[in-house]
Amino acid sequence: MTRTEPADFVDRYGRKITYLRVSITERCNFRCVYCMPAEGIGHIASREYLSYDEIAELVTIFAAQGVTSVRITGGEPLVRANVAELVAKIRAIRGIERIAMTTNGFLLDRYAQDLKDAGLDSLNISLDTLDAARFTEITRVGELGRVLKGIDAAQKAGFKSIKLNAVIVAGFNEDEMLSLVQFATERGVIMRFIEFMPIGDTVWANDLSTSKDAPIRQGKLGYCVPAKTMRAEIGKHYRLEADPKRYGNGPARYWRLHGPNTPPEGQAFGIIAAVTECFCDQCNRVRLTARGGLRACLADDDEIDLRAPLRTHADPVARREDIEARVHEALFGKKERHAFDIEGGSVTTKNMTAIGG
């Protein structure tokens, strides 16, 4: 198979893939109710996961075909040892322009500076609530104060971009939208709201599909607070100005907020509306799971195994050709749009921690 030029890394709907999300572990030190079952995921042998060298080899292949941005995810990526080593390996790959990480922030006070020194450009930090009791409820085991220290450490380290992500859940934290925006604005970081997605075998996803009497169920959208509702609530306190700038490579739409404590040019604010305002026509990404499965879509359980050719081909040319063929198979199978079925519950059998959030 002839090596494909970067311009050819386009799916059958004309969408160019430039963004690779790489999960490095399914483990997490939290048990968030929308992401993982209360009992966790059980033991997974380390050999099941791609090594850092294997990840770097795959990223090199993707970079040669036009991928310029890599996001490291999990699980919680910082529970895996020596993550800065992986960042440095990816930083050295020709063609990779941006390296980001999504984290729950619990270990950031320990690792923020090492990650920055290794070449990490930006961080997305999960922060669903500013109420300590609620934080423990949604994470089951988390400690809000430690995450706030992690945010402070990230700012001190001087990352190019820091975003705070909150999954807005009907009946749980929708009353905190304003306080979350104010918290981010005061610190000069970007607040982003995410619509709840019913994915996997979690408490809330199961409630949506099996219980008509879930205590905080709201109509056909279940726990999902629509993006238009989020904008309306923030619009009561700030003037929203559409912002054409993209702060990263993901699917969020952005606005500039003008109001209390905002800079003269306004404060960036984003919403990821995966359910009610589908953005699939602009999708630019694929996902690599911690076990080497390539997923063309978050909501589609089809995976192409990239771990097998990494470990079965001794010849590097044959290995690369096999991997490239599999990557293009996955790309050809990428659907035109996802099919989140809120009434019926989850559209994927895997939990978010196994997919790479």
Protein backbone atom coordinates (compact mmCIF):
# COMPACT_ATOMS: atom_id res chain seq x y z
CA MET A 1 0.00 0.00 0.00
CA THR A 2 1.35 3.41 -0.96
CA ARG A 3 1.61 5.95 1.83
CA THR A 4 -1.24 8.42 1.75
CA GLU A 5 -0.57 12.13 1.53
CA PRO A 6 -2.06 14.32 4.31
CA ALA A 7 -4.65 15.88 2.00
CA ASP A 8 -6.18 12.43 1.42
CA PHE A 9 -7.10 11.84 5.09
CA VAL A 10 -10.73 12.68 4.42
CA ASP A 11 -13.80 10.54 5.09
CA ARG A 12 -16.49 9.74 2.53
CA TYR A 13 -18.47 12.83 3.55
CA GLY A 14 -15.58 15.17 2.86
CA ARG A 15 -14.58 15.73 6.49
CA LYS A 16 -10.83 16.10 6.96
CA ILE A 17 -9.44 14.39 10.05
CA THR A 18 -6.84 16.50 11.84
CA TYR A 19 -7.53 15.64 15.49
CA LEU A 20 -6.70 12.41 17.34
CA ARG A 21 -7.96 11.73 20.86
CA VAL A 22 -5.74 9.18 22.60
CA SER A 23 -6.92 7.41 25.74
CA ILE A 24 -4.02 6.00 27.75
CA THR A 25 -5.92 4.22 30.53
CA GLU A 26 -9.43 3.17 31.51
CA ARG A 27 -8.61 3.61 35.19
CA CYS A 28 -9.74 6.64 37.15
CA ASN A 29 -9.44 7.85 40.73
CA PHE A 30 -13.04 9.14 40.55
CA ARG A 31 -16.28 7.21 39.95
CA CYS A 32 -18.36 9.89 38.25
CA VAL A 33 -21.95 8.71 37.90
CA TYR A 34 -22.22 9.67 34.20
CA CYS A 35 -18.93 7.99 33.29
CA MET A 36 -18.30 4.86 35.36
CA PRO A 37 -20.23 2.26 37.39
CA ALA A 38 -19.91 2.60 41.18
CA GLU A 39 -17.85 -0.60 41.40
CA GLY A 40 -15.31 0.69 38.89
CA ILE A 41 -14.01 -1.36 35.97
CA GLY A 42 -12.12 -4.17 37.66
CA HIS A 43 -8.52 -5.17 37.08
CA ILE A 44 -7.01 -4.68 33.65
CA ALA A 45 -3.54 -6.09 33.01
CA SER A 46 -1.03 -3.46 31.97
CA ARG A 47 -0.20 -5.40 28.80
CA GLU A 48 -3.75 -4.76 27.61
CA TYR A 49 -2.89 -1.08 27.24
CA LEU A 50 -0.76 0.36 24.50
CA SER A 51 2.73 1.25 25.66
CA TYR A 52 3.95 4.82 25.26
CA ASP A 53 6.24 3.70 22.42
CA GLU A 54 3.27 2.05 20.68
CA ILE A 55 1.18 5.19 21.10
CA ALA A 56 3.99 7.32 19.70
CA GLU A 57 4.31 5.00 16.69
CA LEU A 58 0.60 5.31 15.94
CA VAL A 59 0.63 9.09 16.39
CA THR A 60 3.55 9.26 13.94
CA ILE A 61 1.46 7.40 11.36
CA PHE A 62 -1.53 9.67 11.93
CA ALA A 63 0.67 12.78 11.75
CA ALA A 64 2.05 11.67 8.38
CA GLN A 65 -1.52 11.62 7.11
CA GLY A 66 -2.55 15.05 8.30
CA VAL A 67 -3.33 14.87 12.02
CA THR A 68 -1.93 17.96 13.71
CA SER A 69 -3.58 17.87 17.13
CA VAL A 70 -3.50 15.18 19.83
CA ARG A 71 -5.51 15.09 23.04
CA ILE A 72 -4.50 12.72 25.84
CA THR A 73 -7.48 11.34 27.76
CA GLY A 74 -8.55 8.42 29.92
CA GLY A 75 -10.04 7.31 32.27
CA GLU A 76 -7.94 9.74 34.20
CA PRO A 77 -4.61 10.05 32.33
CA LEU A 78 -2.65 11.18 35.37
CA VAL A 79 -3.17 7.89 37.19
CA ARG A 80 -0.83 6.30 34.65
CA ALA A 81 2.84 6.66 35.55
CA ASN A 82 5.20 9.04 33.78
CA VAL A 83 2.66 10.75 31.52
CA ALA A 84 5.13 13.59 30.90
CA GLU A 85 7.31 11.02 29.13
CA LEU A 86 4.51 10.36 26.62
CA VAL A 87 3.96 14.09 26.13
CA ALA A 88 7.65 14.50 25.29
CA LYS A 89 7.50 11.62 22.78
CA ILE A 90 4.50 13.16 21.01
CA ARG A 91 6.09 16.62 21.10
CA ALA A 92 9.00 15.23 19.08
CA ILE A 93 6.76 13.91 16.28
CA ARG A 94 6.93 15.91 13.09
CA GLY A 95 3.61 17.47 12.15
CA ILE A 96 2.05 17.56 15.61
CA GLU A 97 1.31 21.19 16.38
CA ARG A 98 -0.81 20.96 19.51
CA ILE A 99 -0.94 18.56 22.47
CA ALA A 100 -3.76 18.81 24.98
CA MET A 101 -5.00 16.77 27.94
CA THR A 102 -8.34 16.24 29.61
CA THR A 103 -8.10 15.55 33.35
CA ASN A 104 -10.22 15.59 36.48
CA GLY A 105 -7.56 17.79 38.04
CA PHE A 106 -7.09 15.78 41.23
CA LEU A 107 -3.38 15.14 40.61
CA LEU A 108 -2.58 18.35 38.74
CA ASP A 109 -1.02 20.09 41.72
CA ARG A 110 1.65 17.37 41.56
CA TYR A 111 2.19 17.13 37.79
CA ALA A 112 1.20 20.42 36.13
CA GLN A 113 4.70 21.84 35.82
CA ASP A 114 6.21 18.57 34.59
CA LEU A 115 3.55 18.34 31.88
CA LYS A 116 4.15 21.92 30.79
CA ASP A 117 7.92 21.38 30.70
CA ALA A 118 7.44 18.23 28.59
CA GLY A 119 5.53 20.18 25.94
CA LEU A 120 1.84 19.99 26.83
CA ASP A 121 0.06 23.02 25.40
CA SER A 122 -3.35 23.02 27.01
CA LEU A 123 -5.56 21.47 29.66
CA ASN A 124 -9.26 20.74 29.96
CA ILE A 125 -10.20 20.25 33.62
CA SER A 126 -13.51 18.75 34.67
CA LEU A 127 -15.42 20.86 37.20
CA ASP A 128 -19.12 20.00 37.37
CA THR A 129 -19.91 21.83 40.60
CA LEU A 130 -18.47 24.27 43.11
CA ASP A 131 -20.40 22.70 45.98
CA ALA A 132 -18.20 20.28 47.95
CA ALA A 133 -21.06 17.96 48.89
CA ARG A 134 -22.37 17.82 45.34
CA PHE A 135 -18.85 17.22 44.08
CA THR A 136 -18.53 14.16 46.28
CA GLU A 137 -21.98 12.99 45.19
CA ILE A 138 -21.27 13.19 41.46
CA THR A 139 -17.72 11.82 41.66
CA ARG A 140 -18.52 9.40 44.51
CA VAL A 141 -14.97 9.69 45.86
CA GLY A 142 -13.64 13.07 44.71
CA GLU A 143 -12.46 16.03 46.76
CA LEU A 144 -13.29 19.49 45.40
CA GLY A 145 -10.51 21.29 47.27
CA ARG A 146 -7.83 19.15 45.66
CA VAL A 147 -9.19 19.90 42.18
CA LEU A 148 -9.20 23.63 42.90
CA LYS A 149 -5.54 23.34 43.91
CA GLY A 150 -4.92 21.60 40.59
CA ILE A 151 -6.50 24.48 38.69
CA ASP A 152 -4.28 26.92 40.57
CA ALA A 153 -1.21 24.80 39.76
CA ALA A 154 -2.13 24.71 36.08
CA GLN A 155 -2.42 28.49 35.97
CA LYS A 156 0.89 28.89 37.76
CA ALA A 157 2.56 26.55 35.24
CA GLY A 158 1.53 28.88 32.41
CA PHE A 159 -0.33 26.67 29.91
CA LYS A 160 -1.36 28.32 26.66
CA SER A 161 -4.98 27.40 27.30
CA ILE A 162 -6.97 26.20 30.30
CA LYS A 163 -10.63 25.26 29.96
CA LEU A 164 -13.03 24.10 32.65
CA ASN A 165 -15.63 21.54 31.55
CA ALA A 166 -18.96 21.08 33.33
CA VAL A 167 -21.52 18.47 32.32
CA ILE A 168 -24.79 20.26 33.06
CA VAL A 169 -27.31 17.79 34.46
CA ALA A 170 -30.99 18.58 34.87
CA GLY A 171 -31.99 18.60 38.54
CA PHE A 172 -28.40 18.38 39.75
CA ASN A 173 -26.18 21.33 38.87
CA GLU A 174 -28.18 23.42 36.39
CA ASP A 175 -28.63 26.01 39.16
CA GLU A 176 -24.84 26.52 39.23
CA MET A 177 -24.35 27.65 35.64
CA LEU A 178 -23.90 31.30 36.60
CA SER A 179 -21.55 30.57 39.52
CA LEU A 180 -19.39 28.34 37.33
CA VAL A 181 -19.10 31.05 34.68
CA GLN A 182 -18.24 33.61 37.35
CA PHE A 183 -15.58 31.31 38.81
CA ALA A 184 -13.92 30.88 35.43
CA THR A 185 -14.22 34.55 34.51
CA GLU A 186 -12.56 35.65 37.74
CA ARG A 187 -9.60 33.40 36.91
CA GLY A 188 -9.39 34.31 33.24
CA VAL A 189 -9.99 30.73 32.04
CA ILE A 190 -12.63 29.43 29.65
CA MET A 191 -15.79 27.85 31.03
CA ARG A 192 -17.51 25.27 28.84
CA PHE A 193 -20.82 23.53 29.40
CA ILE A 194 -21.45 20.04 27.99
CA GLU A 195 -24.84 18.51 27.32
CA PHE A 196 -25.36 15.25 29.19
CA MET A 197 -25.02 12.23 26.89
CA PRO A 198 -26.49 8.84 27.92
CA ILE A 199 -23.45 6.66 27.33
CA GLY A 200 -22.69 3.24 28.72
CA ASP A 201 -23.75 1.30 31.79
CA THR A 202 -23.91 4.18 34.28
CA VAL A 203 -26.52 5.08 36.86
CA TRP A 204 -27.98 7.99 34.94
CA ALA A 205 -27.84 6.31 31.55
CA ASN A 206 -29.70 3.33 33.01
CA ASP A 207 -32.29 5.58 34.62
CA LEU A 208 -33.05 7.09 31.26
CA SER A 209 -33.76 3.73 29.67
CA THR A 210 -35.36 1.73 32.50
CA SER A 211 -37.05 4.05 34.97
CA LYS A 212 -40.02 6.29 34.29
CA ASP A 213 -39.80 7.63 37.83
CA ALA A 214 -36.15 8.71 37.99
CA PRO A 215 -36.23 11.57 40.54
CA ILE A 216 -34.67 14.21 38.29
CA ARG A 217 -35.83 13.01 34.88
CA GLN A 218 -37.07 15.86 32.69
CA GLY A 219 -39.20 14.96 29.69
CA LYS A 220 -37.86 13.30 26.59
CA LEU A 221 -34.40 14.81 27.04
CA GLY A 222 -33.93 13.10 30.37
CA TYR A 223 -31.00 14.66 32.22
CA CYS A 224 -29.89 16.74 29.24
CA VAL A 225 -30.17 20.50 29.63
CA PRO A 226 -30.38 21.83 26.05
CA ALA A 227 -27.75 24.28 24.87
CA LYS A 228 -30.41 26.91 24.17
CA THR A 229 -31.45 26.72 27.84
CA MET A 230 -27.84 27.16 28.92
CA ARG A 231 -27.46 30.23 26.69
CA ALA A 232 -30.73 31.70 27.94
CA GLU A 233 -29.66 31.35 31.56
CA ILE A 234 -26.24 32.91 31.03
CA GLY A 235 -27.86 35.56 28.84
CA LYS A 236 -29.79 36.82 31.87
CA HIS A 237 -26.52 38.01 33.37
CA TYR A 238 -24.16 38.59 30.42
CA ARG A 239 -24.45 39.81 26.88
CA LEU A 240 -23.47 36.96 24.56
CA GLU A 241 -21.62 37.80 21.36
CA ALA A 242 -21.00 34.97 18.91
CA ASP A 243 -17.27 34.28 18.71
CA PRO A 244 -16.02 32.73 15.44
CA LYS A 245 -12.67 31.87 16.99
CA ARG A 246 -11.96 28.24 17.84
CA TYR A 247 -10.22 27.73 21.16
CA GLY A 248 -8.72 24.36 20.31
CA ASN A 249 -9.82 21.67 17.87
CA GLY A 250 -12.93 20.24 19.47
CA PRO A 251 -16.65 20.65 18.75
CA ALA A 252 -17.49 23.50 21.12
CA ARG A 253 -19.15 26.68 19.87
CA TYR A 254 -17.99 29.86 21.55
CA TRP A 255 -19.33 33.23 22.63
CA ARG A 256 -17.78 36.32 24.19
CA LEU A 257 -19.43 37.25 27.47
CA HIS A 258 -19.75 40.93 28.31
CA GLY A 259 -20.70 41.83 31.85
CA PRO A 260 -19.43 41.71 35.45
CA ASN A 261 -15.65 41.17 35.73
CA THR A 262 -15.18 40.46 32.02
CA PRO A 263 -12.27 42.06 30.14
CA PRO A 264 -13.08 44.82 27.60
CA GLU A 265 -12.97 42.34 24.71
CA GLY A 266 -15.24 39.94 26.59
CA GLN A 267 -14.63 36.52 28.15
CA ALA A 268 -14.69 33.36 26.04
CA PHE A 269 -17.39 30.84 26.91
CA GLY A 270 -18.22 27.57 25.15
CA ILE A 271 -20.94 24.95 24.85
CA ILE A 272 -20.63 21.40 23.53
CA ALA A 273 -24.14 20.55 22.34
CA ALA A 274 -23.71 16.97 21.19
CA VAL A 275 -27.38 16.08 21.67
CA THR A 276 -29.57 19.02 20.67
CA GLU A 277 -27.38 20.87 18.15
CA CYS A 278 -25.57 18.14 16.24
CA PHE A 279 -22.14 19.18 14.93
CA CYS A 280 -21.29 15.95 13.09
CA ASP A 281 -21.01 17.70 9.73
CA GLN A 282 -17.88 19.45 11.04
CA CYS A 283 -16.34 16.47 12.81
CA ASN A 284 -12.55 16.41 12.44
CA ARG A 285 -11.57 13.65 14.89
CA VAL A 286 -11.17 9.97 15.62
CA ARG A 287 -10.49 8.21 18.93
CA LEU A 288 -7.83 5.72 19.95
CA THR A 289 -8.77 3.68 23.01
CA ALA A 290 -6.28 2.64 25.66
CA ARG A 291 -6.35 -0.91 24.30
CA GLY A 292 -5.64 0.18 20.75
CA GLY A 293 -9.11 0.28 19.27
CA LEU A 294 -9.75 3.03 16.71
CA ARG A 295 -13.23 4.52 16.98
CA ALA A 296 -14.45 6.87 14.28
CA CYS A 297 -17.27 8.17 16.50
CA LEU A 298 -17.90 8.47 20.23
CA ALA A 299 -21.42 7.05 19.84
CA ASP A 300 -20.53 4.15 17.52
CA ASP A 301 -19.26 0.88 18.96
CA ASP A 302 -17.46 -0.12 15.76
CA GLU A 303 -13.73 -0.33 16.47
CA ILE A 304 -10.75 -1.24 14.33
CA ASP A 305 -7.95 -3.04 16.15
CA LEU A 306 -4.61 -1.23 15.79
CA ARG A 307 -2.90 -3.07 18.63
CA ALA A 308 -2.73 -6.37 16.77
CA PRO A 309 -0.61 -5.13 13.84
CA LEU A 310 1.65 -3.26 16.24
CA ARG A 311 2.44 -6.49 18.03
CA THR A 312 2.37 -9.06 15.24
CA HIS A 313 4.45 -7.50 12.45
CA ALA A 314 8.17 -7.65 13.01
CA ASP A 315 8.83 -5.81 9.76
CA PRO A 316 8.22 -2.05 10.28
CA VAL A 317 7.12 -1.48 6.67
CA ALA A 318 4.53 -4.26 6.80
CA ARG A 319 3.39 -3.03 10.20
CA ARG A 320 2.88 0.50 8.95
CA GLU A 321 1.07 -0.60 5.81
CA ASP A 322 -1.29 -2.79 7.80
CA ILE A 323 -2.01 0.02 10.27
CA GLU A 324 -2.60 2.54 7.48
CA ALA A 325 -5.04 0.17 5.80
CA ARG A 326 -6.95 -0.32 9.05
CA VAL A 327 -7.04 3.43 9.73
CA HIS A 328 -8.59 4.05 6.33
CA GLU A 329 -11.06 1.23 6.91
CA ALA A 330 -12.19 2.99 10.08
CA LEU A 331 -12.34 6.31 8.28
CA PHE A 332 -14.45 4.86 5.47
CA GLY A 333 -16.85 3.47 8.07
CA LYS A 334 -17.28 6.81 9.84
CA LYS A 335 -21.00 7.57 9.80
CA GLU A 336 -22.54 10.84 8.64
CA ARG A 337 -23.85 11.61 12.12
CA HIS A 338 -24.32 10.07 15.54
CA ALA A 339 -27.64 8.69 16.76
CA PHE A 340 -28.03 9.68 20.40
CA ASP A 341 -31.41 8.20 21.37
CA ILE A 342 -32.35 9.97 24.56
CA GLU A 343 -35.66 8.11 24.96
CA GLY A 344 -34.00 4.73 24.63
CA GLY A 345 -30.91 5.46 26.72
CA SER A 346 -27.35 4.81 25.65
CA VAL A 347 -26.36 4.22 22.04
CA THR A 348 -23.05 2.62 22.96
CA THR A 349 -22.49 -0.34 25.24
CA LYS A 350 -19.16 0.96 26.54
CA ASN A 351 -18.73 3.44 29.38
CA MET A 352 -17.06 6.75 28.68
CA THR A 353 -13.98 5.68 30.64
CA ALA A 354 -13.43 2.80 28.19
CA ILE A 355 -13.93 4.96 25.12
CA GLY A 356 -11.78 7.92 26.09
CA GLY A 357 -13.85 10.92 27.10
